[in-house]
Amino acid sequence: MLRIVTVAALCLASPVGAIAAPFCMTLPNTQPQCMYYDGSLCARDAARQNGSCDVNPAEVKVASSRIGDYCVVMPSGYSICGYSDGTICARDALLQKGACARAAGALPQQLPNAYDPNAGR
């Protein structure tokens, strides 16, 4: 019985900050604030302060996708990939209380070629 009480006391005394959150609010010229477990709350706070809500790279590894360049990352760390449009990915991420992130191995976004005769059509 004493052993159970000792283990319970040690668990309660451990710092809660040791458990890393899956989402970080990133503001310009500051360190990321990785304290969010709810992606929609992170996105709302980031939008209010002109920042962005990103996935915590130390806590969550975004999967690679052969279909699309974007993944919805859930608060549990599980990711659903296959989105080719970042806007739709961000909308679904808000509904799932997660965040939208680029898939691992996705190519950087390409700017349209202004000299291409078919650009923008």
PDB file of N, CA and C in Angstrom:
ATOM      1  N   MET A   1       0.818  -1.188   0.000  1.00  0.00           N
ATOM      2  CA  MET A   1       0.000   0.000   0.000  1.00  0.00           C
ATOM      3  C   MET A   1       0.866   1.258   0.000  1.00  0.00           C
ATOM      4  N   LEU A   2       1.927   1.228   0.779  1.00  0.00           N
ATOM      5  CA  LEU A   2       2.828   2.366   0.846  1.00  0.00           C
ATOM      6  C   LEU A   2       3.491   2.607  -0.514  1.00  0.00           C
ATOM      7  N   ARG A   3       3.777   1.547  -1.225  1.00  0.00           N
ATOM      8  CA  ARG A   3       4.405   1.654  -2.542  1.00  0.00           C
ATOM      9  C   ARG A   3       3.460   2.357  -3.529  1.00  0.00           C
ATOM     10  N   ILE A   4       2.169   2.041  -3.473  1.00  0.00           N
ATOM     11  CA  ILE A   4       1.188   2.674  -4.366  1.00  0.00           C
ATOM     12  C   ILE A   4       1.061   4.158  -4.048  1.00  0.00           C
ATOM     13  N   VAL A   5       1.035   4.504  -2.777  1.00  0.00           N
ATOM     14  CA  VAL A   5       0.929   5.896  -2.370  1.00  0.00           C
ATOM     15  C   VAL A   5       2.175   6.674  -2.822  1.00  0.00           C
ATOM     16  N   THR A   6       3.341   6.052  -2.718  1.00  0.00           N
ATOM     17  CA  THR A   6       4.581   6.716  -3.130  1.00  0.00           C
ATOM     18  C   THR A   6       4.590   6.974  -4.633  1.00  0.00           C
ATOM     19  N   VAL A   7       4.178   5.996  -5.427  1.00  0.00           N
ATOM     20  CA  VAL A   7       4.132   6.164  -6.877  1.00  0.00           C
ATOM     21  C   VAL A   7       3.124   7.241  -7.261  1.00  0.00           C
ATOM     22  N   ALA A   8       1.971   7.244  -6.609  1.00  0.00           N
ATOM     23  CA  ALA A   8       0.955   8.261  -6.898  1.00  0.00           C
ATOM     24  C   ALA A   8       1.465   9.656  -6.553  1.00  0.00           C
ATOM     25  N   ALA A   9       2.172   9.792  -5.451  1.00  0.00           N
ATOM     26  CA  ALA A   9       2.714  11.097  -5.062  1.00  0.00           C
ATOM     27  C   ALA A   9       3.769  11.571  -6.057  1.00  0.00           C
ATOM     28  N   LEU A  10       4.593  10.662  -6.552  1.00  0.00           N
ATOM     29  CA  LEU A  10       5.600  11.036  -7.540  1.00  0.00           C
ATOM     30  C   LEU A  10       4.965  11.460  -8.859  1.00  0.00           C
ATOM     31  N   CYS A  11       3.899  10.790  -9.260  1.00  0.00           N
ATOM     32  CA  CYS A  11       3.210  11.156 -10.499  1.00  0.00           C
ATOM     33  C   CYS A  11       2.568  12.529 -10.389  1.00  0.00           C
ATOM     34  N   LEU A  12       2.005  12.840  -9.240  1.00  0.00           N
ATOM     35  CA  LEU A  12       1.374  14.140  -9.045  1.00  0.00           C
ATOM     36  C   LEU A  12       2.406  15.251  -8.920  1.00  0.00           C
ATOM     37  N   ALA A  13       3.599  14.929  -8.432  1.00  0.00           N
ATOM     38  CA  ALA A  13       4.633  15.941  -8.249  1.00  0.00           C
ATOM     39  C   ALA A  13       5.406  16.227  -9.533  1.00  0.00           C
ATOM     40  N   SER A  14       5.274  15.366 -10.543  1.00  0.00           N
ATOM     41  CA  SER A  14       6.026  15.589 -11.784  1.00  0.00           C
ATOM     42  C   SER A  14       5.452  16.802 -12.520  1.00  0.00           C
ATOM     43  N   PRO A  15       6.314  17.566 -13.183  1.00  0.00           N
ATOM     44  CA  PRO A  15       5.830  18.769 -13.860  1.00  0.00           C
ATOM     45  C   PRO A  15       4.990  18.423 -15.077  1.00  0.00           C
ATOM     46  N   VAL A  16       3.891  19.142 -15.250  1.00  0.00           N
ATOM     47  CA  VAL A  16       3.008  18.912 -16.385  1.00  0.00           C
ATOM     48  C   VAL A  16       3.658  19.426 -17.663  1.00  0.00           C
ATOM     49  N   GLY A  17       4.538  20.413 -17.571  1.00  0.00           N
ATOM     50  CA  GLY A  17       5.197  20.982 -18.732  1.00  0.00           C
ATOM     51  C   GLY A  17       6.118  20.011 -19.444  1.00  0.00           C
ATOM     52  N   ALA A  18       6.424  18.883 -18.822  1.00  0.00           N
ATOM     53  CA  ALA A  18       7.306  17.911 -19.458  1.00  0.00           C
ATOM     54  C   ALA A  18       6.610  17.214 -20.623  1.00  0.00           C
ATOM     55  N   ILE A  19       5.295  17.252 -20.645  1.00  0.00           N
ATOM     56  CA  ILE A  19       4.547  16.651 -21.749  1.00  0.00           C
ATOM     57  C   ILE A  19       4.406  17.718 -22.825  1.00  0.00           C
ATOM     58  N   ALA A  20       5.012  17.470 -23.983  1.00  0.00           N
ATOM     59  CA  ALA A  20       5.017  18.472 -25.048  1.00  0.00           C
ATOM     60  C   ALA A  20       3.694  18.477 -25.793  1.00  0.00           C
ATOM     61  N   ALA A  21       3.280  19.654 -26.199  1.00  0.00           N
ATOM     62  CA  ALA A  21       2.027  19.829 -26.932  1.00  0.00           C
ATOM     63  C   ALA A  21       2.281  19.625 -28.429  1.00  0.00           C
ATOM     64  N   PRO A  22       1.267  19.161 -29.174  1.00  0.00           N
ATOM     65  CA  PRO A  22       1.469  18.885 -30.595  1.00  0.00           C
ATOM     66  C   PRO A  22       1.434  20.117 -31.494  1.00  0.00           C
ATOM     67  N   PHE A  23       0.969  21.279 -30.995  1.00  0.00           N
ATOM     68  CA  PHE A  23       0.853  22.465 -31.834  1.00  0.00           C
ATOM     69  C   PHE A  23       1.602  23.643 -31.221  1.00  0.00           C
ATOM     70  N   CYS A  24       2.195  24.450 -32.096  1.00  0.00           N
ATOM     71  CA  CYS A  24       2.956  25.625 -31.664  1.00  0.00           C
ATOM     72  C   CYS A  24       2.416  26.871 -32.352  1.00  0.00           C
ATOM     73  N   MET A  25       2.303  27.950 -31.584  1.00  0.00           N
ATOM     74  CA  MET A  25       1.973  29.236 -32.171  1.00  0.00           C
ATOM     75  C   MET A  25       3.297  29.935 -32.470  1.00  0.00           C
ATOM     76  N   THR A  26       3.458  30.335 -33.724  1.00  0.00           N
ATOM     77  CA  THR A  26       4.684  30.986 -34.156  1.00  0.00           C
ATOM     78  C   THR A  26       4.376  32.431 -34.506  1.00  0.00           C
ATOM     79  N   LEU A  27       5.046  33.338 -33.822  1.00  0.00           N
ATOM     80  CA  LEU A  27       4.910  34.769 -34.076  1.00  0.00           C
ATOM     81  C   LEU A  27       6.213  35.268 -34.690  1.00  0.00           C
ATOM     82  N   PRO A  28       6.153  36.336 -35.474  1.00  0.00           N
ATOM     83  CA  PRO A  28       7.380  36.855 -36.079  1.00  0.00           C
ATOM     84  C   PRO A  28       8.412  37.253 -35.022  1.00  0.00           C
ATOM     85  N   ASN A  29       9.658  36.870 -35.246  1.00  0.00           N
ATOM     86  CA  ASN A  29      10.810  37.215 -34.403  1.00  0.00           C
ATOM     87  C   ASN A  29      10.709  36.708 -32.967  1.00  0.00           C
ATOM     88  N   THR A  30       9.989  35.613 -32.746  1.00  0.00           N
ATOM     89  CA  THR A  30       9.918  35.012 -31.413  1.00  0.00           C
ATOM     90  C   THR A  30      10.094  33.501 -31.533  1.00  0.00           C
ATOM     91  N   GLN A  31      10.341  32.883 -30.410  1.00  0.00           N
ATOM     92  CA  GLN A  31      10.416  31.427 -30.356  1.00  0.00           C
ATOM     93  C   GLN A  31       9.005  30.848 -30.428  1.00  0.00           C
ATOM     94  N   PRO A  32       8.832  29.671 -31.054  1.00  0.00           N
ATOM     95  CA  PRO A  32       7.503  29.045 -31.078  1.00  0.00           C
ATOM     96  C   PRO A  32       7.017  28.728 -29.666  1.00  0.00           C
ATOM     97  N   GLN A  33       5.746  28.955 -29.446  1.00  0.00           N
ATOM     98  CA  GLN A  33       5.119  28.668 -28.155  1.00  0.00           C
ATOM     99  C   GLN A  33       4.357  27.358 -28.294  1.00  0.00           C
ATOM    100  N   CYS A  34       4.978  26.264 -27.905  1.00  0.00           N
ATOM    101  CA  CYS A  34       4.405  24.926 -28.068  1.00  0.00           C
ATOM    102  C   CYS A  34       3.642  24.531 -26.816  1.00  0.00           C
ATOM    103  N   MET A  35       2.426  25.050 -26.707  1.00  0.00           N
ATOM    104  CA  MET A  35       1.621  24.777 -25.518  1.00  0.00           C
ATOM    105  C   MET A  35       0.178  24.460 -25.865  1.00  0.00           C
ATOM    106  N   TYR A  36      -0.111  24.224 -27.120  1.00  0.00           N
ATOM    107  CA  TYR A  36      -1.488  24.035 -27.560  1.00  0.00           C
ATOM    108  C   TYR A  36      -1.778  22.559 -27.853  1.00  0.00           C
ATOM    109  N   TYR A  37      -2.866  22.084 -27.287  1.00  0.00           N
ATOM    110  CA  TYR A  37      -3.363  20.739 -27.576  1.00  0.00           C
ATOM    111  C   TYR A  37      -4.577  20.786 -28.500  1.00  0.00           C
ATOM    112  N   ASP A  38      -5.098  21.971 -28.729  1.00  0.00           N
ATOM    113  CA  ASP A  38      -6.248  22.182 -29.605  1.00  0.00           C
ATOM    114  C   ASP A  38      -5.786  23.057 -30.770  1.00  0.00           C
ATOM    115  N   GLY A  39      -5.809  22.507 -31.987  1.00  0.00           N
ATOM    116  CA  GLY A  39      -5.331  23.238 -33.148  1.00  0.00           C
ATOM    117  C   GLY A  39      -6.180  24.441 -33.491  1.00  0.00           C
ATOM    118  N   SER A  40      -7.497  24.365 -33.281  1.00  0.00           N
ATOM    119  CA  SER A  40      -8.351  25.508 -33.598  1.00  0.00           C
ATOM    120  C   SER A  40      -8.109  26.665 -32.632  1.00  0.00           C
ATOM    121  N   LEU A  41      -7.839  26.373 -31.367  1.00  0.00           N
ATOM    122  CA  LEU A  41      -7.505  27.419 -30.399  1.00  0.00           C
ATOM    123  C   LEU A  41      -6.151  28.041 -30.750  1.00  0.00           C
ATOM    124  N   CYS A  42      -5.216  27.229 -31.160  1.00  0.00           N
ATOM    125  CA  CYS A  42      -3.901  27.717 -31.578  1.00  0.00           C
ATOM    126  C   CYS A  42      -4.039  28.636 -32.798  1.00  0.00           C
ATOM    127  N   ALA A  43      -4.845  28.218 -33.772  1.00  0.00           N
ATOM    128  CA  ALA A  43      -5.041  29.029 -34.979  1.00  0.00           C
ATOM    129  C   ALA A  43      -5.740  30.349 -34.650  1.00  0.00           C
ATOM    130  N   ARG A  44      -6.706  30.318 -33.743  1.00  0.00           N
ATOM    131  CA  ARG A  44      -7.426  31.542 -33.374  1.00  0.00           C
ATOM    132  C   ARG A  44      -6.490  32.519 -32.657  1.00  0.00           C
ATOM    133  N   ASP A  45      -5.675  32.016 -31.718  1.00  0.00           N
ATOM    134  CA  ASP A  45      -4.731  32.886 -31.020  1.00  0.00           C
ATOM    135  C   ASP A  45      -3.661  33.423 -31.970  1.00  0.00           C
ATOM    136  N   ALA A  46      -3.217  32.595 -32.907  1.00  0.00           N
ATOM    137  CA  ALA A  46      -2.194  33.023 -33.861  1.00  0.00           C
ATOM    138  C   ALA A  46      -2.742  34.096 -34.800  1.00  0.00           C
ATOM    139  N   ALA A  47      -3.974  33.936 -35.267  1.00  0.00           N
ATOM    140  CA  ALA A  47      -4.570  34.927 -36.162  1.00  0.00           C
ATOM    141  C   ALA A  47      -4.760  36.259 -35.439  1.00  0.00           C
ATOM    142  N   ARG A  48      -5.084  36.210 -34.174  1.00  0.00           N
ATOM    143  CA  ARG A  48      -5.279  37.434 -33.384  1.00  0.00           C
ATOM    144  C   ARG A  48      -3.968  38.213 -33.240  1.00  0.00           C
ATOM    145  N   GLN A  49      -2.815  37.494 -33.268  1.00  0.00           N
ATOM    146  CA  GLN A  49      -1.523  38.142 -33.047  1.00  0.00           C
ATOM    147  C   GLN A  49      -0.665  38.186 -34.309  1.00  0.00           C
ATOM    148  N   ASN A  50      -1.267  37.961 -35.469  1.00  0.00           N
ATOM    149  CA  ASN A  50      -0.558  37.995 -36.750  1.00  0.00           C
ATOM    150  C   ASN A  50       0.522  36.915 -36.846  1.00  0.00           C
ATOM    151  N   GLY A  51       0.211  35.720 -36.375  1.00  0.00           N
ATOM    152  CA  GLY A  51       1.155  34.615 -36.411  1.00  0.00           C
ATOM    153  C   GLY A  51       0.570  33.428 -37.144  1.00  0.00           C
ATOM    154  N   SER A  52       1.134  32.271 -36.897  1.00  0.00           N
ATOM    155  CA  SER A  52       0.635  31.046 -37.515  1.00  0.00           C
ATOM    156  C   SER A  52       0.679  29.917 -36.506  1.00  0.00           C
ATOM    157  N   CYS A  53      -0.143  28.931 -36.740  1.00  0.00           N
ATOM    158  CA  CYS A  53      -0.173  27.736 -35.903  1.00  0.00           C
ATOM    159  C   CYS A  53       0.471  26.611 -36.699  1.00  0.00           C
ATOM    160  N   ASP A  54       1.506  26.025 -36.150  1.00  0.00           N
ATOM    161  CA  ASP A  54       2.248  24.980 -36.833  1.00  0.00           C
ATOM    162  C   ASP A  54       2.299  23.729 -35.974  1.00  0.00           C
ATOM    163  N   VAL A  55       2.691  22.642 -36.610  1.00  0.00           N
ATOM    164  CA  VAL A  55       2.862  21.376 -35.901  1.00  0.00           C
ATOM    165  C   VAL A  55       4.196  21.414 -35.163  1.00  0.00           C
ATOM    166  N   ASN A  56       4.213  20.913 -33.943  1.00  0.00           N
ATOM    167  CA  ASN A  56       5.435  20.859 -33.147  1.00  0.00           C
ATOM    168  C   ASN A  56       6.343  19.777 -33.730  1.00  0.00           C
ATOM    169  N   PRO A  57       7.456  20.133 -34.382  1.00  0.00           N
ATOM    170  CA  PRO A  57       8.299  19.125 -35.022  1.00  0.00           C
ATOM    171  C   PRO A  57       8.997  18.195 -34.030  1.00  0.00           C
ATOM    172  N   ALA A  58       9.148  18.624 -32.790  1.00  0.00           N
ATOM    173  CA  ALA A  58       9.774  17.763 -31.791  1.00  0.00           C
ATOM    174  C   ALA A  58       8.819  16.695 -31.285  1.00  0.00           C
ATOM    175  N   GLU A  59       7.526  16.924 -31.451  1.00  0.00           N
ATOM    176  CA  GLU A  59       6.528  16.004 -30.904  1.00  0.00           C
ATOM    177  C   GLU A  59       5.824  15.179 -31.977  1.00  0.00           C
ATOM    178  N   VAL A  60       5.579  15.760 -33.153  1.00  0.00           N
ATOM    179  CA  VAL A  60       4.770  15.109 -34.192  1.00  0.00           C
ATOM    180  C   VAL A  60       5.587  14.988 -35.470  1.00  0.00           C
ATOM    181  N   LYS A  61       5.619  13.814 -36.037  1.00  0.00           N
ATOM    182  CA  LYS A  61       6.252  13.597 -37.336  1.00  0.00           C
ATOM    183  C   LYS A  61       5.153  13.480 -38.382  1.00  0.00           C
ATOM    184  N   VAL A  62       5.156  14.391 -39.346  1.00  0.00           N
ATOM    185  CA  VAL A  62       4.138  14.392 -40.390  1.00  0.00           C
ATOM    186  C   VAL A  62       4.487  13.302 -41.398  1.00  0.00           C
ATOM    187  N   ALA A  63       3.494  12.529 -41.777  1.00  0.00           N
ATOM    188  CA  ALA A  63       3.703  11.423 -42.704  1.00  0.00           C
ATOM    189  C   ALA A  63       3.954  11.950 -44.110  1.00  0.00           C
ATOM    190  N   SER A  64       4.512  11.097 -44.951  1.00  0.00           N
ATOM    191  CA  SER A  64       4.685  11.464 -46.354  1.00  0.00           C
ATOM    192  C   SER A  64       3.468  10.979 -47.135  1.00  0.00           C
ATOM    193  N   SER A  65       3.188  11.645 -48.228  1.00  0.00           N
ATOM    194  CA  SER A  65       2.016  11.317 -49.015  1.00  0.00           C
ATOM    195  C   SER A  65       2.383  11.294 -50.487  1.00  0.00           C
ATOM    196  N   ARG A  66       1.895  10.305 -51.194  1.00  0.00           N
ATOM    197  CA  ARG A  66       2.113  10.220 -52.630  1.00  0.00           C
ATOM    198  C   ARG A  66       0.980  10.891 -53.404  1.00  0.00           C
ATOM    199  N   ILE A  67      -0.113  11.179 -52.727  1.00  0.00           N
ATOM    200  CA  ILE A  67      -1.293  11.714 -53.410  1.00  0.00           C
ATOM    201  C   ILE A  67      -1.312  13.231 -53.354  1.00  0.00           C
ATOM    202  N   GLY A  68      -1.215  13.809 -52.182  1.00  0.00           N
ATOM    203  CA  GLY A  68      -1.290  15.259 -52.033  1.00  0.00           C
ATOM    204  C   GLY A  68      -0.128  15.790 -51.230  1.00  0.00           C
ATOM    205  N   ASP A  69      -0.026  17.102 -51.189  1.00  0.00           N
ATOM    206  CA  ASP A  69       1.084  17.745 -50.497  1.00  0.00           C
ATOM    207  C   ASP A  69       0.762  18.168 -49.073  1.00  0.00           C
ATOM    208  N   TYR A  70      -0.481  18.007 -48.620  1.00  0.00           N
ATOM    209  CA  TYR A  70      -0.883  18.496 -47.307  1.00  0.00           C
ATOM    210  C   TYR A  70      -1.477  17.380 -46.460  1.00  0.00           C
ATOM    211  N   CYS A  71      -1.292  17.512 -45.140  1.00  0.00           N
ATOM    212  CA  CYS A  71      -1.828  16.541 -44.181  1.00  0.00           C
ATOM    213  C   CYS A  71      -2.525  17.281 -43.045  1.00  0.00           C
ATOM    214  N   VAL A  72      -3.622  16.713 -42.564  1.00  0.00           N
ATOM    215  CA  VAL A  72      -4.279  17.198 -41.356  1.00  0.00           C
ATOM    216  C   VAL A  72      -3.678  16.432 -40.192  1.00  0.00           C
ATOM    217  N   VAL A  73      -3.116  17.158 -39.233  1.00  0.00           N
ATOM    218  CA  VAL A  73      -2.513  16.547 -38.050  1.00  0.00           C
ATOM    219  C   VAL A  73      -3.485  16.709 -36.898  1.00  0.00           C
ATOM    220  N   MET A  74      -3.895  15.585 -36.326  1.00  0.00           N
ATOM    221  CA  MET A  74      -4.851  15.577 -35.216  1.00  0.00           C
ATOM    222  C   MET A  74      -4.136  15.889 -33.898  1.00  0.00           C
ATOM    223  N   PRO A  75      -4.860  16.263 -32.847  1.00  0.00           N
ATOM    224  CA  PRO A  75      -4.232  16.509 -31.548  1.00  0.00           C
ATOM    225  C   PRO A  75      -3.510  15.290 -30.986  1.00  0.00           C
ATOM    226  N   SER A  76      -3.907  14.095 -31.387  1.00  0.00           N
ATOM    227  CA  SER A  76      -3.234  12.890 -30.906  1.00  0.00           C
ATOM    228  C   SER A  76      -1.913  12.641 -31.619  1.00  0.00           C
ATOM    229  N   GLY A  77      -1.632  13.392 -32.700  1.00  0.00           N
ATOM    230  CA  GLY A  77      -0.415  13.195 -33.467  1.00  0.00           C
ATOM    231  C   GLY A  77      -0.631  12.403 -34.739  1.00  0.00           C
ATOM    232  N   TYR A  78      -1.800  11.792 -34.887  1.00  0.00           N
ATOM    233  CA  TYR A  78      -2.136  11.035 -36.086  1.00  0.00           C
ATOM    234  C   TYR A  78      -2.372  12.003 -37.231  1.00  0.00           C
ATOM    235  N   SER A  79      -1.900  11.663 -38.433  1.00  0.00           N
ATOM    236  CA  SER A  79      -2.088  12.561 -39.572  1.00  0.00           C
ATOM    237  C   SER A  79      -2.838  11.872 -40.699  1.00  0.00           C
ATOM    238  N   ILE A  80      -3.693  12.641 -41.363  1.00  0.00           N
ATOM    239  CA  ILE A  80      -4.450  12.178 -42.525  1.00  0.00           C
ATOM    240  C   ILE A  80      -3.935  12.971 -43.718  1.00  0.00           C
ATOM    241  N   CYS A  81      -3.290  12.288 -44.638  1.00  0.00           N
ATOM    242  CA  CYS A  81      -2.684  12.960 -45.789  1.00  0.00           C
ATOM    243  C   CYS A  81      -3.524  12.724 -47.040  1.00  0.00           C
ATOM    244  N   GLY A  82      -3.150  13.410 -48.110  1.00  0.00           N
ATOM    245  CA  GLY A  82      -3.835  13.229 -49.374  1.00  0.00           C
ATOM    246  C   GLY A  82      -4.518  14.480 -49.872  1.00  0.00           C
ATOM    247  N   TYR A  83      -4.303  15.608 -49.213  1.00  0.00           N
ATOM    248  CA  TYR A  83      -4.916  16.863 -49.646  1.00  0.00           C
ATOM    249  C   TYR A  83      -4.004  17.539 -50.663  1.00  0.00           C
ATOM    250  N   SER A  84      -4.570  17.919 -51.794  1.00  0.00           N
ATOM    251  CA  SER A  84      -3.787  18.659 -52.784  1.00  0.00           C
ATOM    252  C   SER A  84      -3.995  20.161 -52.653  1.00  0.00           C
ATOM    253  N   ASP A  85      -5.017  20.565 -51.923  1.00  0.00           N
ATOM    254  CA  ASP A  85      -5.324  21.981 -51.727  1.00  0.00           C
ATOM    255  C   ASP A  85      -5.152  22.336 -50.255  1.00  0.00           C
ATOM    256  N   GLY A  86      -4.306  23.315 -49.972  1.00  0.00           N
ATOM    257  CA  GLY A  86      -4.056  23.712 -48.596  1.00  0.00           C
ATOM    258  C   GLY A  86      -5.249  24.360 -47.928  1.00  0.00           C
ATOM    259  N   THR A  87      -6.119  25.010 -48.706  1.00  0.00           N
ATOM    260  CA  THR A  87      -7.303  25.658 -48.135  1.00  0.00           C
ATOM    261  C   THR A  87      -8.289  24.623 -47.599  1.00  0.00           C
ATOM    262  N   ILE A  88      -8.507  23.571 -48.364  1.00  0.00           N
ATOM    263  CA  ILE A  88      -9.417  22.504 -47.919  1.00  0.00           C
ATOM    264  C   ILE A  88      -8.809  21.771 -46.731  1.00  0.00           C
ATOM    265  N   CYS A  89      -7.505  21.564 -46.757  1.00  0.00           N
ATOM    266  CA  CYS A  89      -6.823  20.928 -45.635  1.00  0.00           C
ATOM    267  C   CYS A  89      -6.987  21.761 -44.369  1.00  0.00           C
ATOM    268  N   ALA A  90      -6.824  23.084 -44.474  1.00  0.00           N
ATOM    269  CA  ALA A  90      -6.973  23.962 -43.311  1.00  0.00           C
ATOM    270  C   ALA A  90      -8.404  23.960 -42.782  1.00  0.00           C
ATOM    271  N   ARG A  91      -9.388  23.907 -43.688  1.00  0.00           N
ATOM    272  CA  ARG A  91     -10.788  23.861 -43.261  1.00  0.00           C
ATOM    273  C   ARG A  91     -11.075  22.574 -42.491  1.00  0.00           C
ATOM    274  N   ASP A  92     -10.617  21.434 -43.029  1.00  0.00           N
ATOM    275  CA  ASP A  92     -10.832  20.162 -42.338  1.00  0.00           C
ATOM    276  C   ASP A  92     -10.067  20.106 -41.017  1.00  0.00           C
ATOM    277  N   ALA A  93      -8.898  20.745 -40.973  1.00  0.00           N
ATOM    278  CA  ALA A  93      -8.119  20.771 -39.736  1.00  0.00           C
ATOM    279  C   ALA A  93      -8.861  21.522 -38.640  1.00  0.00           C
ATOM    280  N   LEU A  94      -9.516  22.631 -38.990  1.00  0.00           N
ATOM    281  CA  LEU A  94     -10.293  23.367 -37.994  1.00  0.00           C
ATOM    282  C   LEU A  94     -11.463  22.547 -37.480  1.00  0.00           C
ATOM    283  N   LEU A  95     -12.102  21.782 -38.367  1.00  0.00           N
ATOM    284  CA  LEU A  95     -13.223  20.936 -37.945  1.00  0.00           C
ATOM    285  C   LEU A  95     -12.777  19.816 -37.015  1.00  0.00           C
ATOM    286  N   GLN A  96     -11.548  19.320 -37.215  1.00  0.00           N
ATOM    287  CA  GLN A  96     -11.025  18.208 -36.414  1.00  0.00           C
ATOM    288  C   GLN A  96     -10.200  18.685 -35.220  1.00  0.00           C
ATOM    289  N   LYS A  97     -10.115  20.021 -35.018  1.00  0.00           N
ATOM    290  CA  LYS A  97      -9.311  20.627 -33.947  1.00  0.00           C
ATOM    291  C   LYS A  97      -7.841  20.266 -34.088  1.00  0.00           C
ATOM    292  N   GLY A  98      -7.397  20.227 -35.345  1.00  0.00           N
ATOM    293  CA  GLY A  98      -6.007  19.926 -35.648  1.00  0.00           C
ATOM    294  C   GLY A  98      -5.363  21.074 -36.401  1.00  0.00           C
ATOM    295  N   ALA A  99      -4.305  20.744 -37.134  1.00  0.00           N
ATOM    296  CA  ALA A  99      -3.595  21.744 -37.935  1.00  0.00           C
ATOM    297  C   ALA A  99      -3.233  21.130 -39.279  1.00  0.00           C
ATOM    298  N   CYS A 100      -3.126  21.957 -40.284  1.00  0.00           N
ATOM    299  CA  CYS A 100      -2.733  21.513 -41.613  1.00  0.00           C
ATOM    300  C   CYS A 100      -1.233  21.738 -41.773  1.00  0.00           C
ATOM    301  N   ALA A 101      -0.537  20.742 -42.299  1.00  0.00           N
ATOM    302  CA  ALA A 101       0.909  20.839 -42.484  1.00  0.00           C
ATOM    303  C   ALA A 101       1.298  20.245 -43.828  1.00  0.00           C
ATOM    304  N   ARG A 102       2.420  20.673 -44.342  1.00  0.00           N
ATOM    305  CA  ARG A 102       2.942  20.092 -45.576  1.00  0.00           C
ATOM    306  C   ARG A 102       3.405  18.679 -45.280  1.00  0.00           C
ATOM    307  N   ALA A 103       3.112  17.770 -46.198  1.00  0.00           N
ATOM    308  CA  ALA A 103       3.529  16.378 -46.039  1.00  0.00           C
ATOM    309  C   ALA A 103       5.047  16.280 -46.120  1.00  0.00           C
ATOM    310  N   ALA A 104       5.597  15.306 -45.419  1.00  0.00           N
ATOM    311  CA  ALA A 104       7.043  15.086 -45.472  1.00  0.00           C
ATOM    312  C   ALA A 104       7.430  14.682 -46.892  1.00  0.00           C
ATOM    313  N   GLY A 105       8.447  15.293 -47.419  1.00  0.00           N
ATOM    314  CA  GLY A 105       8.889  14.986 -48.771  1.00  0.00           C
ATOM    315  C   GLY A 105       8.164  15.746 -49.849  1.00  0.00           C
ATOM    316  N   ALA A 106       7.236  16.624 -49.485  1.00  0.00           N
ATOM    317  CA  ALA A 106       6.515  17.410 -50.493  1.00  0.00           C
ATOM    318  C   ALA A 106       7.456  18.452 -51.086  1.00  0.00           C
ATOM    319  N   LEU A 107       7.335  18.656 -52.354  1.00  0.00           N
ATOM    320  CA  LEU A 107       8.161  19.660 -53.019  1.00  0.00           C
ATOM    321  C   LEU A 107       7.732  21.052 -52.586  1.00  0.00           C
ATOM    322  N   PRO A 108       8.648  22.013 -52.595  1.00  0.00           N
ATOM    323  CA  PRO A 108       8.251  23.383 -52.243  1.00  0.00           C
ATOM    324  C   PRO A 108       7.229  23.913 -53.239  1.00  0.00           C
ATOM    325  N   GLN A 109       6.387  24.816 -52.787  1.00  0.00           N
ATOM    326  CA  GLN A 109       5.380  25.386 -53.674  1.00  0.00           C
ATOM    327  C   GLN A 109       6.061  26.144 -54.798  1.00  0.00           C
ATOM    328  N   GLN A 110       5.597  25.918 -56.009  1.00  0.00           N
ATOM    329  CA  GLN A 110       6.164  26.568 -57.184  1.00  0.00           C
ATOM    330  C   GLN A 110       5.339  27.798 -57.538  1.00  0.00           C
ATOM    331  N   LEU A 111       6.035  28.874 -57.860  1.00  0.00           N
ATOM    332  CA  LEU A 111       5.356  30.079 -58.328  1.00  0.00           C
ATOM    333  C   LEU A 111       5.054  29.910 -59.816  1.00  0.00           C
ATOM    334  N   PRO A 112       3.938  30.433 -60.281  1.00  0.00           N
ATOM    335  CA  PRO A 112       3.648  30.309 -61.705  1.00  0.00           C
ATOM    336  C   PRO A 112       4.671  31.074 -62.543  1.00  0.00           C
ATOM    337  N   ASN A 113       4.971  30.542 -63.702  1.00  0.00           N
ATOM    338  CA  ASN A 113       5.912  31.168 -64.611  1.00  0.00           C
ATOM    339  C   ASN A 113       5.189  32.307 -65.337  1.00  0.00           C
ATOM    340  N   ALA A 114       5.642  33.534 -65.092  1.00  0.00           N
ATOM    341  CA  ALA A 114       4.986  34.698 -65.677  1.00  0.00           C
ATOM    342  C   ALA A 114       5.173  34.762 -67.184  1.00  0.00           C
ATOM    343  N   TYR A 115       6.182  34.071 -67.718  1.00  0.00           N
ATOM    344  CA  TYR A 115       6.463  34.118 -69.143  1.00  0.00           C
ATOM    345  C   TYR A 115       5.790  32.994 -69.915  1.00  0.00           C
ATOM    346  N   ASP A 116       5.095  32.105 -69.207  1.00  0.00           N
ATOM    347  CA  ASP A 116       4.374  31.024 -69.856  1.00  0.00           C
ATOM    348  C   ASP A 116       3.090  31.594 -70.448  1.00  0.00           C
ATOM    349  N   PRO A 117       2.815  31.341 -71.743  1.00  0.00           N
ATOM    350  CA  PRO A 117       1.604  31.915 -72.339  1.00  0.00           C
ATOM    351  C   PRO A 117       0.312  31.382 -71.729  1.00  0.00           C
ATOM    352  N   ASN A 118       0.333  30.224 -71.064  1.00  0.00           N
ATOM    353  CA  ASN A 118      -0.869  29.652 -70.473  1.00  0.00           C
ATOM    354  C   ASN A 118      -0.962  29.915 -68.975  1.00  0.00           C
ATOM    355  N   ALA A 119      -0.054  30.680 -68.409  1.00  0.00           N
ATOM    356  CA  ALA A 119      -0.064  30.925 -66.966  1.00  0.00           C
ATOM    357  C   ALA A 119      -1.280  31.739 -66.557  1.00  0.00           C
ATOM    358  N   GLY A 120      -1.941  31.308 -65.544  1.00  0.00           N
ATOM    359  CA  GLY A 120      -3.081  32.038 -65.027  1.00  0.00           C
ATOM    360  C   GLY A 120      -4.375  31.838 -65.776  1.00  0.00           C
ATOM    361  N   ARG A 121      -4.410  30.856 -66.676  1.00  0.00           N
ATOM    362  CA  ARG A 121      -5.650  30.622 -67.428  1.00  0.00           C
ATOM    363  C   ARG A 121      -6.306  29.363 -67.005  1.00  0.00           C
TER     364      ARG A 121
END
